[in-house]
Every structure is written in C-alpha cells, then in structure tokens.
PDB file of N, CA and C in Angstrom:
ATOM      1  N   MET A   1      -6.306  -3.974  -9.287  1.00  0.00           N
ATOM      2  CA  MET A   1      -6.685  -4.244  -7.880  1.00  0.00           C
ATOM      3  C   MET A   1      -5.304  -4.109  -6.934  1.00  0.00           C
ATOM      4  N   ALA A   2      -5.622  -4.100  -5.855  1.00  0.00           N
ATOM      5  CA  ALA A   2      -4.464  -3.866  -5.038  1.00  0.00           C
ATOM      6  C   ALA A   2      -4.144  -5.284  -4.232  1.00  0.00           C
ATOM      7  N   ILE A   3      -3.126  -5.290  -3.743  1.00  0.00           N
ATOM      8  CA  ILE A   3      -2.595  -6.576  -3.013  1.00  0.00           C
ATOM      9  C   ILE A   3      -2.948  -6.520  -1.628  1.00  0.00           C
ATOM     10  N   MET A   4      -3.318  -7.763  -0.963  1.00  0.00           N
ATOM     11  CA  MET A   4      -3.539  -7.889   0.514  1.00  0.00           C
ATOM     12  C   MET A   4      -2.684  -8.915   1.080  1.00  0.00           C
ATOM     13  N   ILE A   5      -2.498  -8.723   2.398  1.00  0.00           N
ATOM     14  CA  ILE A   5      -1.653  -9.694   3.137  1.00  0.00           C
ATOM     15  C   ILE A   5      -2.512 -10.636   3.911  1.00  0.00           C
ATOM     16  N   THR A   6      -2.500 -12.048   3.795  1.00  0.00           N
ATOM     17  CA  THR A   6      -3.661 -12.817   4.451  1.00  0.00           C
ATOM     18  C   THR A   6      -2.913 -12.939   5.932  1.00  0.00           C
ATOM     19  N   ASP A   7      -3.867 -13.627   6.767  1.00  0.00           N
ATOM     20  CA  ASP A   7      -3.661 -14.100   7.940  1.00  0.00           C
ATOM     21  C   ASP A   7      -2.460 -15.176   8.095  1.00  0.00           C
ATOM     22  N   GLU A   8      -1.992 -15.620   7.088  1.00  0.00           N
ATOM     23  CA  GLU A   8      -1.030 -16.642   6.983  1.00  0.00           C
ATOM     24  C   GLU A   8       0.375 -15.988   7.192  1.00  0.00           C
ATOM     25  N   CYS A   9       0.396 -14.641   7.239  1.00  0.00           N
ATOM     26  CA  CYS A   9       1.534 -13.841   7.326  1.00  0.00           C
ATOM     27  C   CYS A   9       2.253 -14.454   8.528  1.00  0.00           C
ATOM     28  N   ILE A  10       3.671 -14.541   8.384  1.00  0.00           N
ATOM     29  CA  ILE A  10       4.550 -15.026   9.466  1.00  0.00           C
ATOM     30  C   ILE A  10       5.537 -13.811  10.122  1.00  0.00           C
ATOM     31  N   ASN A  11       5.010 -12.419   9.579  1.00  0.00           N
ATOM     32  CA  ASN A  11       5.564 -11.378  10.122  1.00  0.00           C
ATOM     33  C   ASN A  11       7.109 -11.333   9.867  1.00  0.00           C
ATOM     34  N   CYS A  12       7.724 -11.748   8.726  1.00  0.00           N
ATOM     35  CA  CYS A  12       9.118 -11.766   8.504  1.00  0.00           C
ATOM     36  C   CYS A  12       9.640 -10.450   8.081  1.00  0.00           C
ATOM     37  N   GLY A  13       8.687  -9.572   7.403  1.00  0.00           N
ATOM     38  CA  GLY A  13       9.073  -8.208   7.342  1.00  0.00           C
ATOM     39  C   GLY A  13       9.718  -8.191   5.845  1.00  0.00           C
ATOM     40  N   ALA A  14       9.829  -9.129   4.896  1.00  0.00           N
ATOM     41  CA  ALA A  14      10.570  -9.151   3.725  1.00  0.00           C
ATOM     42  C   ALA A  14       9.792  -8.368   2.626  1.00  0.00           C
ATOM     43  N   CYS A  15       8.546  -8.092   2.729  1.00  0.00           N
ATOM     44  CA  CYS A  15       7.744  -7.399   1.825  1.00  0.00           C
ATOM     45  C   CYS A  15       7.821  -5.981   2.116  1.00  0.00           C
ATOM     46  N   GLU A  16       8.100  -5.338   3.249  1.00  0.00           N
ATOM     47  CA  GLU A  16       7.892  -3.854   3.511  1.00  0.00           C
ATOM     48  C   GLU A  16       8.981  -3.280   2.662  1.00  0.00           C
ATOM     49  N   PRO A  17      10.066  -3.525   2.664  1.00  0.00           N
ATOM     50  CA  PRO A  17      11.219  -2.647   2.099  1.00  0.00           C
ATOM     51  C   PRO A  17      11.098  -2.818   0.516  1.00  0.00           C
ATOM     52  N   GLU A  18      10.354  -3.649  -0.074  1.00  0.00           N
ATOM     53  CA  GLU A  18      10.104  -3.859  -1.418  1.00  0.00           C
ATOM     54  C   GLU A  18       9.111  -2.995  -2.050  1.00  0.00           C
ATOM     55  N   CYS A  19       8.312  -2.343  -1.418  1.00  0.00           N
ATOM     56  CA  CYS A  19       7.158  -1.556  -1.759  1.00  0.00           C
ATOM     57  C   CYS A  19       7.568  -0.122  -2.142  1.00  0.00           C
ATOM     58  N   PRO A  20       7.370   0.226  -3.506  1.00  0.00           N
ATOM     59  CA  PRO A  20       7.735   1.353  -3.879  1.00  0.00           C
ATOM     60  C   PRO A  20       6.933   2.551  -3.569  1.00  0.00           C
ATOM     61  N   ASN A  21       5.577   2.281  -2.972  1.00  0.00           N
ATOM     62  CA  ASN A  21       4.851   3.365  -2.500  1.00  0.00           C
ATOM     63  C   ASN A  21       4.752   3.360  -0.871  1.00  0.00           C
ATOM     64  N   ASN A  22       5.557   2.586  -0.208  1.00  0.00           N
ATOM     65  CA  ASN A  22       5.603   2.354   1.122  1.00  0.00           C
ATOM     66  C   ASN A  22       3.934   2.216   1.562  1.00  0.00           C
ATOM     67  N   ALA A  23       3.320   1.019   1.207  1.00  0.00           N
ATOM     68  CA  ALA A  23       2.140   1.008   1.456  1.00  0.00           C
ATOM     69  C   ALA A  23       1.978  -0.292   2.153  1.00  0.00           C
ATOM     70  N   ILE A  24       3.196  -0.811   2.791  1.00  0.00           N
ATOM     71  CA  ILE A  24       3.285  -1.986   3.553  1.00  0.00           C
ATOM     72  C   ILE A  24       3.716  -1.645   5.134  1.00  0.00           C
ATOM     73  N   TYR A  25       2.914  -1.917   5.921  1.00  0.00           N
ATOM     74  CA  TYR A  25       3.308  -1.363   7.553  1.00  0.00           C
ATOM     75  C   TYR A  25       3.339  -2.632   8.428  1.00  0.00           C
ATOM     76  N   GLU A  26       4.062  -2.749   9.351  1.00  0.00           N
ATOM     77  CA  GLU A  26       4.004  -3.863  10.340  1.00  0.00           C
ATOM     78  C   GLU A  26       2.619  -3.872  11.069  1.00  0.00           C
ATOM     79  N   GLY A  27       2.271  -4.950  11.675  1.00  0.00           N
ATOM     80  CA  GLY A  27       0.887  -5.009  12.363  1.00  0.00           C
ATOM     81  C   GLY A  27       0.984  -4.107  13.493  1.00  0.00           C
ATOM     82  N   GLY A  28      -0.057  -3.140  13.763  1.00  0.00           N
ATOM     83  CA  GLY A  28      -0.226  -2.280  14.788  1.00  0.00           C
ATOM     84  C   GLY A  28       0.383  -1.036  14.546  1.00  0.00           C
ATOM     85  N   ALA A  29       1.354  -0.866  13.565  1.00  0.00           N
ATOM     86  CA  ALA A  29       1.972   0.463  13.243  1.00  0.00           C
ATOM     87  C   ALA A  29       0.894   1.349  12.458  1.00  0.00           C
ATOM     88  N   GLN A  30       1.011   2.686  12.939  1.00  0.00           N
ATOM     89  CA  GLN A  30       0.069   3.613  12.257  1.00  0.00           C
ATOM     90  C   GLN A  30       0.623   3.938  10.733  1.00  0.00           C
ATOM     91  N   TRP A  31      -0.021   4.159   9.761  1.00  0.00           N
ATOM     92  CA  TRP A  31       0.562   4.453   8.478  1.00  0.00           C
ATOM     93  C   TRP A  31       0.139   6.029   8.202  1.00  0.00           C
ATOM     94  N   ARG A  32       0.874   6.638   7.314  1.00  0.00           N
ATOM     95  CA  ARG A  32       0.718   7.866   6.666  1.00  0.00           C
ATOM     96  C   ARG A  32       0.496   7.967   5.347  1.00  0.00           C
ATOM     97  N   TRP A  33      -0.275   8.813   4.878  1.00  0.00           N
ATOM     98  CA  TRP A  33      -0.026   9.102   3.184  1.00  0.00           C
ATOM     99  C   TRP A  33       1.254   9.583   2.839  1.00  0.00           C
ATOM    100  N   ALA A  34       1.935  10.275   3.414  1.00  0.00           N
ATOM    101  CA  ALA A  34       3.102  10.953   3.125  1.00  0.00           C
ATOM    102  C   ALA A  34       4.375   9.888   2.965  1.00  0.00           C
ATOM    103  N   ASP A  35       4.256   8.882   3.674  1.00  0.00           N
ATOM    104  CA  ASP A  35       5.321   7.838   3.791  1.00  0.00           C
ATOM    105  C   ASP A  35       5.499   7.379   2.375  1.00  0.00           C
ATOM    106  N   GLY A  36       6.785   7.730   1.948  1.00  0.00           N
ATOM    107  CA  GLY A  36       7.240   7.361   0.572  1.00  0.00           C
ATOM    108  C   GLY A  36       6.412   7.940  -0.596  1.00  0.00           C
ATOM    109  N   THR A  37       5.826   8.860  -0.382  1.00  0.00           N
ATOM    110  CA  THR A  37       5.044   9.586  -1.527  1.00  0.00           C
ATOM    111  C   THR A  37       5.320  11.125  -1.376  1.00  0.00           C
ATOM    112  N   SER A  38       4.691  11.786  -2.254  1.00  0.00           N
ATOM    113  CA  SER A  38       4.794  13.216  -2.164  1.00  0.00           C
ATOM    114  C   SER A  38       3.546  13.823  -1.794  1.00  0.00           C
ATOM    115  N   LEU A  39       2.647  13.248  -1.243  1.00  0.00           N
ATOM    116  CA  LEU A  39       1.287  13.759  -0.604  1.00  0.00           C
ATOM    117  C   LEU A  39       1.469  14.599   0.542  1.00  0.00           C
ATOM    118  N   LYS A  40       0.909  15.766   0.430  1.00  0.00           N
ATOM    119  CA  LYS A  40       0.908  16.608   1.474  1.00  0.00           C
ATOM    120  C   LYS A  40      -0.227  16.850   2.309  1.00  0.00           C
ATOM    121  N   GLU A  41      -1.458  16.665   1.418  1.00  0.00           N
ATOM    122  CA  GLU A  41      -2.827  16.583   1.813  1.00  0.00           C
ATOM    123  C   GLU A  41      -3.705  15.586   1.064  1.00  0.00           C
ATOM    124  N   VAL A  42      -4.431  14.931   1.470  1.00  0.00           N
ATOM    125  CA  VAL A  42      -5.377  13.970   0.762  1.00  0.00           C
ATOM    126  C   VAL A  42      -6.814  14.216   1.178  1.00  0.00           C
ATOM    127  N   THR A  43      -7.705  14.424   0.362  1.00  0.00           N
ATOM    128  CA  THR A  43      -9.193  14.361   0.520  1.00  0.00           C
ATOM    129  C   THR A  43      -9.697  12.736   0.374  1.00  0.00           C
ATOM    130  N   THR A  44     -10.237  12.361   1.667  1.00  0.00           N
ATOM    131  CA  THR A  44     -10.662  11.158   1.579  1.00  0.00           C
ATOM    132  C   THR A  44     -11.954  10.851   0.862  1.00  0.00           C
ATOM    133  N   GLY A  45     -12.384   9.609   0.825  1.00  0.00           N
ATOM    134  CA  GLY A  45     -13.621   9.221   0.310  1.00  0.00           C
ATOM    135  C   GLY A  45     -14.798   9.930   0.717  1.00  0.00           C
ATOM    136  N   ASP A  46     -14.796  10.257   2.117  1.00  0.00           N
ATOM    137  CA  ASP A  46     -15.970  10.845   2.573  1.00  0.00           C
ATOM    138  C   ASP A  46     -15.832  12.380   2.640  1.00  0.00           C
ATOM    139  N   GLY A  47     -14.876  12.902   1.892  1.00  0.00           N
ATOM    140  CA  GLY A  47     -14.751  14.464   1.454  1.00  0.00           C
ATOM    141  C   GLY A  47     -13.794  15.214   2.552  1.00  0.00           C
ATOM    142  N   ALA A  48     -13.352  14.420   3.662  1.00  0.00           N
ATOM    143  CA  ALA A  48     -12.648  15.116   4.526  1.00  0.00           C
ATOM    144  C   ALA A  48     -11.341  15.235   4.009  1.00  0.00           C
ATOM    145  N   THR A  49     -10.531  16.370   4.356  1.00  0.00           N
ATOM    146  CA  THR A  49      -9.092  16.474   4.155  1.00  0.00           C
ATOM    147  C   THR A  49      -8.296  16.387   5.235  1.00  0.00           C
ATOM    148  N   VAL A  50      -7.186  15.629   4.890  1.00  0.00           N
ATOM    149  CA  VAL A  50      -6.423  15.026   6.056  1.00  0.00           C
ATOM    150  C   VAL A  50      -4.670  15.542   5.577  1.00  0.00           C
ATOM    151  N   SER A  51      -4.040  15.751   6.513  1.00  0.00           N
ATOM    152  CA  SER A  51      -2.678  16.122   6.298  1.00  0.00           C
ATOM    153  C   SER A  51      -1.924  14.531   5.960  1.00  0.00           C
ATOM    154  N   GLY A  52      -1.076  14.743   5.062  1.00  0.00           N
ATOM    155  CA  GLY A  52      -0.199  13.446   4.698  1.00  0.00           C
ATOM    156  C   GLY A  52       0.460  12.841   5.739  1.00  0.00           C
ATOM    157  N   THR A  53       0.778  13.848   6.717  1.00  0.00           N
ATOM    158  CA  THR A  53       1.712  13.430   7.707  1.00  0.00           C
ATOM    159  C   THR A  53       0.869  12.820   9.006  1.00  0.00           C
ATOM    160  N   ALA A  54      -0.323  12.958   8.930  1.00  0.00           N
ATOM    161  CA  ALA A  54      -1.370  12.657  10.123  1.00  0.00           C
ATOM    162  C   ALA A  54      -1.368  10.991  10.033  1.00  0.00           C
ATOM    163  N   PRO A  55      -1.161  10.546  11.528  1.00  0.00           N
ATOM    164  CA  PRO A  55      -1.109   9.019  11.667  1.00  0.00           C
ATOM    165  C   PRO A  55      -2.631   8.421  11.383  1.00  0.00           C
ATOM    166  N   GLN A  56      -2.688   7.451  10.658  1.00  0.00           N
ATOM    167  CA  GLN A  56      -3.848   6.779  10.349  1.00  0.00           C
ATOM    168  C   GLN A  56      -3.918   5.424  11.019  1.00  0.00           C
ATOM    169  N   THR A  57      -5.261   4.919  11.347  1.00  0.00           N
ATOM    170  CA  THR A  57      -5.386   3.799  12.130  1.00  0.00           C
ATOM    171  C   THR A  57      -4.848   2.510  11.414  1.00  0.00           C
ATOM    172  N   PRO A  58      -4.039   1.694  12.146  1.00  0.00           N
ATOM    173  CA  PRO A  58      -3.654   0.443  11.412  1.00  0.00           C
ATOM    174  C   PRO A  58      -4.788  -0.345  10.915  1.00  0.00           C
ATOM    175  N   VAL A  59      -4.442  -1.128   9.755  1.00  0.00           N
ATOM    176  CA  VAL A  59      -5.429  -2.013   9.116  1.00  0.00           C
ATOM    177  C   VAL A  59      -5.404  -3.291   9.936  1.00  0.00           C
ATOM    178  N   SER A  60      -4.216  -3.804  10.415  1.00  0.00           N
ATOM    179  CA  SER A  60      -4.317  -4.983  11.264  1.00  0.00           C
ATOM    180  C   SER A  60      -3.195  -4.721  12.480  1.00  0.00           C
ATOM    181  N   ASP A  61      -3.635  -5.374  13.402  1.00  0.00           N
ATOM    182  CA  ASP A  61      -2.699  -5.349  14.826  1.00  0.00           C
ATOM    183  C   ASP A  61      -1.890  -6.578  14.788  1.00  0.00           C
ATOM    184  N   GLU A  62      -2.260  -7.598  14.098  1.00  0.00           N
ATOM    185  CA  GLU A  62      -1.540  -8.864  14.251  1.00  0.00           C
ATOM    186  C   GLU A  62      -0.509  -9.150  13.200  1.00  0.00           C
ATOM    187  N   TYR A  63      -0.629  -8.756  11.971  1.00  0.00           N
ATOM    188  CA  TYR A  63       0.435  -8.945  11.034  1.00  0.00           C
ATOM    189  C   TYR A  63       0.476  -7.845  10.080  1.00  0.00           C
ATOM    190  N   TYR A  64       1.647  -7.899   9.211  1.00  0.00           N
ATOM    191  CA  TYR A  64       1.764  -6.962   8.228  1.00  0.00           C
ATOM    192  C   TYR A  64       0.490  -6.582   7.461  1.00  0.00           C
ATOM    193  N   TYR A  65       0.401  -5.422   6.795  1.00  0.00           N
ATOM    194  CA  TYR A  65      -0.704  -5.177   6.104  1.00  0.00           C
ATOM    195  C   TYR A  65      -0.411  -4.156   4.930  1.00  0.00           C
ATOM    196  N   ILE A  66      -1.241  -4.121   4.072  1.00  0.00           N
ATOM    197  CA  ILE A  66      -1.111  -3.096   2.877  1.00  0.00           C
ATOM    198  C   ILE A  66      -2.123  -2.243   2.999  1.00  0.00           C
ATOM    199  N   VAL A  67      -2.022  -0.874   2.751  1.00  0.00           N
ATOM    200  CA  VAL A  67      -2.954   0.129   2.685  1.00  0.00           C
ATOM    201  C   VAL A  67      -3.349   0.142   1.035  1.00  0.00           C
ATOM    202  N   SER A  68      -4.605  -0.433   0.800  1.00  0.00           N
ATOM    203  CA  SER A  68      -4.943  -0.371  -0.540  1.00  0.00           C
ATOM    204  C   SER A  68      -4.789   0.709  -1.327  1.00  0.00           C
ATOM    205  N   ASP A  69      -5.291   1.734  -0.612  1.00  0.00           N
ATOM    206  CA  ASP A  69      -5.345   3.081  -1.313  1.00  0.00           C
ATOM    207  C   ASP A  69      -3.968   3.634  -1.898  1.00  0.00           C
ATOM    208  N   LYS A  70      -2.851   3.040  -1.218  1.00  0.00           N
ATOM    209  CA  LYS A  70      -1.528   3.253  -1.705  1.00  0.00           C
ATOM    210  C   LYS A  70      -0.893   2.300  -2.587  1.00  0.00           C
ATOM    211  N   CYS A  71      -1.464   1.138  -2.752  1.00  0.00           N
ATOM    212  CA  CYS A  71      -1.013  -0.008  -3.457  1.00  0.00           C
ATOM    213  C   CYS A  71      -1.189   0.344  -4.835  1.00  0.00           C
ATOM    214  N   THR A  72      -0.211   0.093  -5.797  1.00  0.00           N
ATOM    215  CA  THR A  72      -0.383   0.177  -7.388  1.00  0.00           C
ATOM    216  C   THR A  72      -0.071  -1.195  -7.728  1.00  0.00           C
ATOM    217  N   GLU A  73       0.071  -2.359  -7.274  1.00  0.00           N
ATOM    218  CA  GLU A  73       0.644  -3.557  -7.654  1.00  0.00           C
ATOM    219  C   GLU A  73       2.177  -3.416  -8.269  1.00  0.00           C
ATOM    220  N   CYS A  74       2.773  -2.493  -7.858  1.00  0.00           N
ATOM    221  CA  CYS A  74       3.999  -2.053  -8.511  1.00  0.00           C
ATOM    222  C   CYS A  74       4.019  -1.666  -9.985  1.00  0.00           C
ATOM    223  N   VAL A  75       2.718  -1.584 -10.469  1.00  0.00           N
ATOM    224  CA  VAL A  75       2.550  -0.894 -11.799  1.00  0.00           C
ATOM    225  C   VAL A  75       3.358   0.492 -12.068  1.00  0.00           C
ATOM    226  N   GLY A  76       4.125   0.522 -13.047  1.00  0.00           N
ATOM    227  CA  GLY A  76       5.008   1.736 -13.229  1.00  0.00           C
ATOM    228  C   GLY A  76       6.208   1.689 -12.684  1.00  0.00           C
ATOM    229  N   PHE A  77       6.401   0.506 -11.667  1.00  0.00           N
ATOM    230  CA  PHE A  77       8.006   0.496 -11.134  1.00  0.00           C
ATOM    231  C   PHE A  77       8.527  -1.030 -11.598  1.00  0.00           C
ATOM    232  N   HIS A  78       7.638  -2.050 -11.536  1.00  0.00           N
ATOM    233  CA  HIS A  78       8.171  -3.450 -11.708  1.00  0.00           C
ATOM    234  C   HIS A  78       7.104  -4.264 -12.637  1.00  0.00           C
ATOM    235  N   GLU A  79       7.632  -5.388 -12.987  1.00  0.00           N
ATOM    236  CA  GLU A  79       6.637  -6.181 -13.785  1.00  0.00           C
ATOM    237  C   GLU A  79       5.751  -6.951 -12.967  1.00  0.00           C
ATOM    238  N   GLU A  80       6.031  -7.176 -11.676  1.00  0.00           N
ATOM    239  CA  GLU A  80       5.137  -7.893 -10.818  1.00  0.00           C
ATOM    240  C   GLU A  80       5.098  -7.364  -9.470  1.00  0.00           C
ATOM    241  N   PRO A  81       3.979  -7.403  -8.630  1.00  0.00           N
ATOM    242  CA  PRO A  81       4.142  -6.958  -7.169  1.00  0.00           C
ATOM    243  C   PRO A  81       5.448  -7.582  -6.529  1.00  0.00           C
ATOM    244  N   GLN A  82       6.323  -6.663  -6.151  1.00  0.00           N
ATOM    245  CA  GLN A  82       7.355  -7.044  -5.423  1.00  0.00           C
ATOM    246  C   GLN A  82       7.179  -7.838  -4.024  1.00  0.00           C
ATOM    247  N   CYS A  83       6.069  -7.432  -3.278  1.00  0.00           N
ATOM    248  CA  CYS A  83       5.631  -7.834  -1.958  1.00  0.00           C
ATOM    249  C   CYS A  83       5.414  -9.575  -2.373  1.00  0.00           C
ATOM    250  N   ALA A  84       4.623  -9.923  -3.343  1.00  0.00           N
ATOM    251  CA  ALA A  84       4.486 -11.264  -3.590  1.00  0.00           C
ATOM    252  C   ALA A  84       5.621 -11.935  -4.249  1.00  0.00           C
ATOM    253  N   ALA A  85       6.518 -11.238  -4.773  1.00  0.00           N
ATOM    254  CA  ALA A  85       7.532 -12.012  -5.306  1.00  0.00           C
ATOM    255  C   ALA A  85       8.695 -12.395  -4.132  1.00  0.00           C
ATOM    256  N   VAL A  86       8.609 -11.646  -3.113  1.00  0.00           N
ATOM    257  CA  VAL A  86       9.731 -11.983  -2.111  1.00  0.00           C
ATOM    258  C   VAL A  86       8.871 -12.770  -0.847  1.00  0.00           C
ATOM    259  N   CYS A  87       7.577 -12.922  -0.958  1.00  0.00           N
ATOM    260  CA  CYS A  87       6.869 -13.264   0.389  1.00  0.00           C
ATOM    261  C   CYS A  87       7.481 -14.960   0.340  1.00  0.00           C
ATOM    262  N   PRO A  88       7.888 -15.381   1.475  1.00  0.00           N
ATOM    263  CA  PRO A  88       8.316 -16.853   1.549  1.00  0.00           C
ATOM    264  C   PRO A  88       7.090 -17.827   1.686  1.00  0.00           C
ATOM    265  N   VAL A  89       5.898 -17.323   2.060  1.00  0.00           N
ATOM    266  CA  VAL A  89       4.785 -18.038   2.454  1.00  0.00           C
ATOM    267  C   VAL A  89       3.476 -17.747   1.430  1.00  0.00           C
ATOM    268  N   ASP A  90       3.901 -16.961   0.543  1.00  0.00           N
ATOM    269  CA  ASP A  90       2.661 -16.727  -0.531  1.00  0.00           C
ATOM    270  C   ASP A  90       1.545 -16.156   0.061  1.00  0.00           C
ATOM    271  N   CYS A  91       1.735 -15.101   1.048  1.00  0.00           N
ATOM    272  CA  CYS A  91       0.554 -14.590   1.539  1.00  0.00           C
ATOM    273  C   CYS A  91      -0.005 -13.242   1.012  1.00  0.00           C
ATOM    274  N   CYS A  92       0.910 -12.774   0.098  1.00  0.00           N
ATOM    275  CA  CYS A  92       0.662 -11.421  -0.605  1.00  0.00           C
ATOM    276  C   CYS A  92      -0.086 -11.789  -1.861  1.00  0.00           C
ATOM    277  N   VAL A  93      -1.511 -11.620  -1.999  1.00  0.00           N
ATOM    278  CA  VAL A  93      -2.349 -11.988  -3.072  1.00  0.00           C
ATOM    279  C   VAL A  93      -3.271 -10.779  -3.358  1.00  0.00           C
ATOM    280  N   ASP A  94      -4.083 -11.024  -4.440  1.00  0.00           N
ATOM    281  CA  ASP A  94      -4.965 -10.116  -5.109  1.00  0.00           C
ATOM    282  C   ASP A  94      -5.985  -9.899  -3.880  1.00  0.00           C
ATOM    283  N   ASP A  95      -6.295  -8.646  -3.897  1.00  0.00           N
ATOM    284  CA  ASP A  95      -7.489  -8.202  -3.001  1.00  0.00           C
ATOM    285  C   ASP A  95      -8.645  -8.428  -3.869  1.00  0.00           C
ATOM    286  N   PRO A  96      -9.640  -9.195  -3.513  1.00  0.00           N
ATOM    287  CA  PRO A  96     -10.868  -9.206  -4.385  1.00  0.00           C
ATOM    288  C   PRO A  96     -11.830  -8.008  -4.206  1.00  0.00           C
ATOM    289  N   ASP A  97     -11.749  -7.225  -3.043  1.00  0.00           N
ATOM    290  CA  ASP A  97     -12.463  -6.239  -2.842  1.00  0.00           C
ATOM    291  C   ASP A  97     -12.001  -5.031  -3.416  1.00  0.00           C
ATOM    292  N   MET A  98     -10.825  -5.021  -3.998  1.00  0.00           N
ATOM    293  CA  MET A  98     -10.136  -3.755  -4.460  1.00  0.00           C
ATOM    294  C   MET A  98      -9.733  -3.943  -6.057  1.00  0.00           C
ATOM    295  N   ARG A  99     -10.501  -4.059  -6.914  1.00  0.00           N
ATOM    296  CA  ARG A  99     -10.400  -4.375  -8.349  1.00  0.00           C
ATOM    297  C   ARG A  99     -10.042  -2.958  -9.018  1.00  0.00           C
ATOM    298  N   GLU A 100      -8.818  -2.864  -9.741  1.00  0.00           N
ATOM    299  CA  GLU A 100      -8.537  -1.573 -10.574  1.00  0.00           C
ATOM    300  C   GLU A 100      -7.932  -2.021 -11.892  1.00  0.00           C
ATOM    301  N   THR A 101      -8.216  -1.285 -12.778  1.00  0.00           N
ATOM    302  CA  THR A 101      -7.519  -1.530 -14.011  1.00  0.00           C
ATOM    303  C   THR A 101      -6.019  -1.053 -13.959  1.00  0.00           C
ATOM    304  N   ARG A 102      -5.267  -1.543 -15.158  1.00  0.00           N
ATOM    305  CA  ARG A 102      -3.708  -1.112 -15.152  1.00  0.00           C
ATOM    306  C   ARG A 102      -3.836   0.452 -15.271  1.00  0.00           C
ATOM    307  N   GLU A 103      -4.728   1.012 -16.138  1.00  0.00           N
ATOM    308  CA  GLU A 103      -4.759   2.506 -16.275  1.00  0.00           C
ATOM    309  C   GLU A 103      -4.971   3.306 -15.018  1.00  0.00           C
ATOM    310  N   ARG A 104      -5.999   2.735 -14.179  1.00  0.00           N
ATOM    311  CA  ARG A 104      -6.187   3.260 -12.832  1.00  0.00           C
ATOM    312  C   ARG A 104      -4.870   3.145 -11.854  1.00  0.00           C
ATOM    313  N   LEU A 105      -4.294   2.162 -11.928  1.00  0.00           N
ATOM    314  CA  LEU A 105      -3.010   1.970 -11.166  1.00  0.00           C
ATOM    315  C   LEU A 105      -2.124   2.796 -11.634  1.00  0.00           C
ATOM    316  N   LEU A 106      -1.853   3.108 -12.825  1.00  0.00           N
ATOM    317  CA  LEU A 106      -0.877   4.147 -13.246  1.00  0.00           C
ATOM    318  C   LEU A 106      -1.376   5.516 -12.776  1.00  0.00           C
ATOM    319  N   GLU A 107      -2.595   5.830 -12.854  1.00  0.00           N
ATOM    320  CA  GLU A 107      -2.894   7.150 -12.368  1.00  0.00           C
ATOM    321  C   GLU A 107      -2.761   7.314 -10.817  1.00  0.00           C
ATOM    322  N   LYS A 108      -2.940   6.160 -10.223  1.00  0.00           N
ATOM    323  CA  LYS A 108      -2.624   6.365  -8.758  1.00  0.00           C
ATOM    324  C   LYS A 108      -1.145   6.411  -8.569  1.00  0.00           C
ATOM    325  N   LYS A 109      -0.241   5.773  -9.181  1.00  0.00           N
ATOM    326  CA  LYS A 109       1.269   6.043  -8.980  1.00  0.00           C
ATOM    327  C   LYS A 109       1.389   7.543  -9.380  1.00  0.00           C
ATOM    328  N   GLU A 110       0.867   7.962 -10.434  1.00  0.00           N
ATOM    329  CA  GLU A 110       1.145   9.480 -10.722  1.00  0.00           C
ATOM    330  C   GLU A 110       0.715  10.437  -9.577  1.00  0.00           C
ATOM    331  N   TRP A 111      -0.575  10.005  -8.802  1.00  0.00           N
ATOM    332  CA  TRP A 111      -1.027  10.852  -7.855  1.00  0.00           C
ATOM    333  C   TRP A 111      -0.190  10.729  -6.502  1.00  0.00           C
ATOM    334  N   LEU A 112       0.294   9.518  -6.301  1.00  0.00           N
ATOM    335  CA  LEU A 112       1.131   9.330  -5.072  1.00  0.00           C
ATOM    336  C   LEU A 112       2.399  10.086  -5.208  1.00  0.00           C
ATOM    337  N   HIS A 113       3.058  10.145  -6.438  1.00  0.00           N
ATOM    338  CA  HIS A 113       4.359  10.461  -6.642  1.00  0.00           C
ATOM    339  C   HIS A 113       4.334  11.832  -7.486  1.00  0.00           C
ATOM    340  N   ILE A 114       3.449  12.764  -7.306  1.00  0.00           N
ATOM    341  CA  ILE A 114       3.465  13.761  -7.983  1.00  0.00           C
ATOM    342  C   ILE A 114       4.690  14.841  -7.582  1.00  0.00           C
ATOM    343  N   ALA A 115       5.075  15.534  -8.374  1.00  0.00           N
ATOM    344  CA  ALA A 115       6.261  16.310  -8.111  1.00  0.00           C
ATOM    345  C   ALA A 115       5.921  17.472  -7.274  1.00  0.00           C
ATOM    346  N   ALA A 116       6.678  17.584  -6.014  1.00  0.00           N
ATOM    347  CA  ALA A 116       6.358  18.570  -4.875  1.00  0.00           C
ATOM    348  C   ALA A 116       6.553  19.914  -5.274  1.00  0.00           C
TER     349      ALA A 116
END
C-alpha cells in the first residue's frame, strides 16, 4: 500500500526530504514523475504517455501530500516509511485505497529508479 498524509498535517515539511522517491510535495505544488526518479516518460492508467518532466496537478492545495503512484513505503530503502517515522503529529498513515504487496512495492521501486 502507499502512505497518505491526513488533513491533520501541520505543514512542518519534516517528511519531504526523507522520501527516497520524491513522492512528497508541499500543498499546492505541482509534482513530476521525474522528480527523484529516472523516469523520462510514463504511460498512465488511461493509456496516455506523458513526459516525466511534465507538471502534474497537485493532490492537495492545503497540506503536504504523497503521490501514491510514486510511494513504495520506503521498501527497498528502509525498514519503515520514513515520512511516518519523522512526522511529529502522526499524520502519515497507510492509505486504505492503495493496497500493494511487498513484491509490488519492490517492482515499483525498480521501475522508478531504472538505470538511465
């Protein structure tokens, strides 16, 4: 599964630099597939191909957010999700809408960080 940030977020920013996939963004900030990854192009779920550097719509305008398609729960990097480990208000929690196996998270990690 991916991690999500709840609306209890105090916008401290402690989580953002901890993410090995650059999947965490400040509220209102556009995100990019290429941020912190080696992705040059991505085929989305609806079959469209987008540039890795193309800006994407923010998930939240109010508080920090996690792009679930880039989140691997730190599998392959750390023993536990680092955002949750450093969050002072415990608002980085499992996303019940994004359930993934450890194997799938490892596959996603490899996909995000494929050698260029």
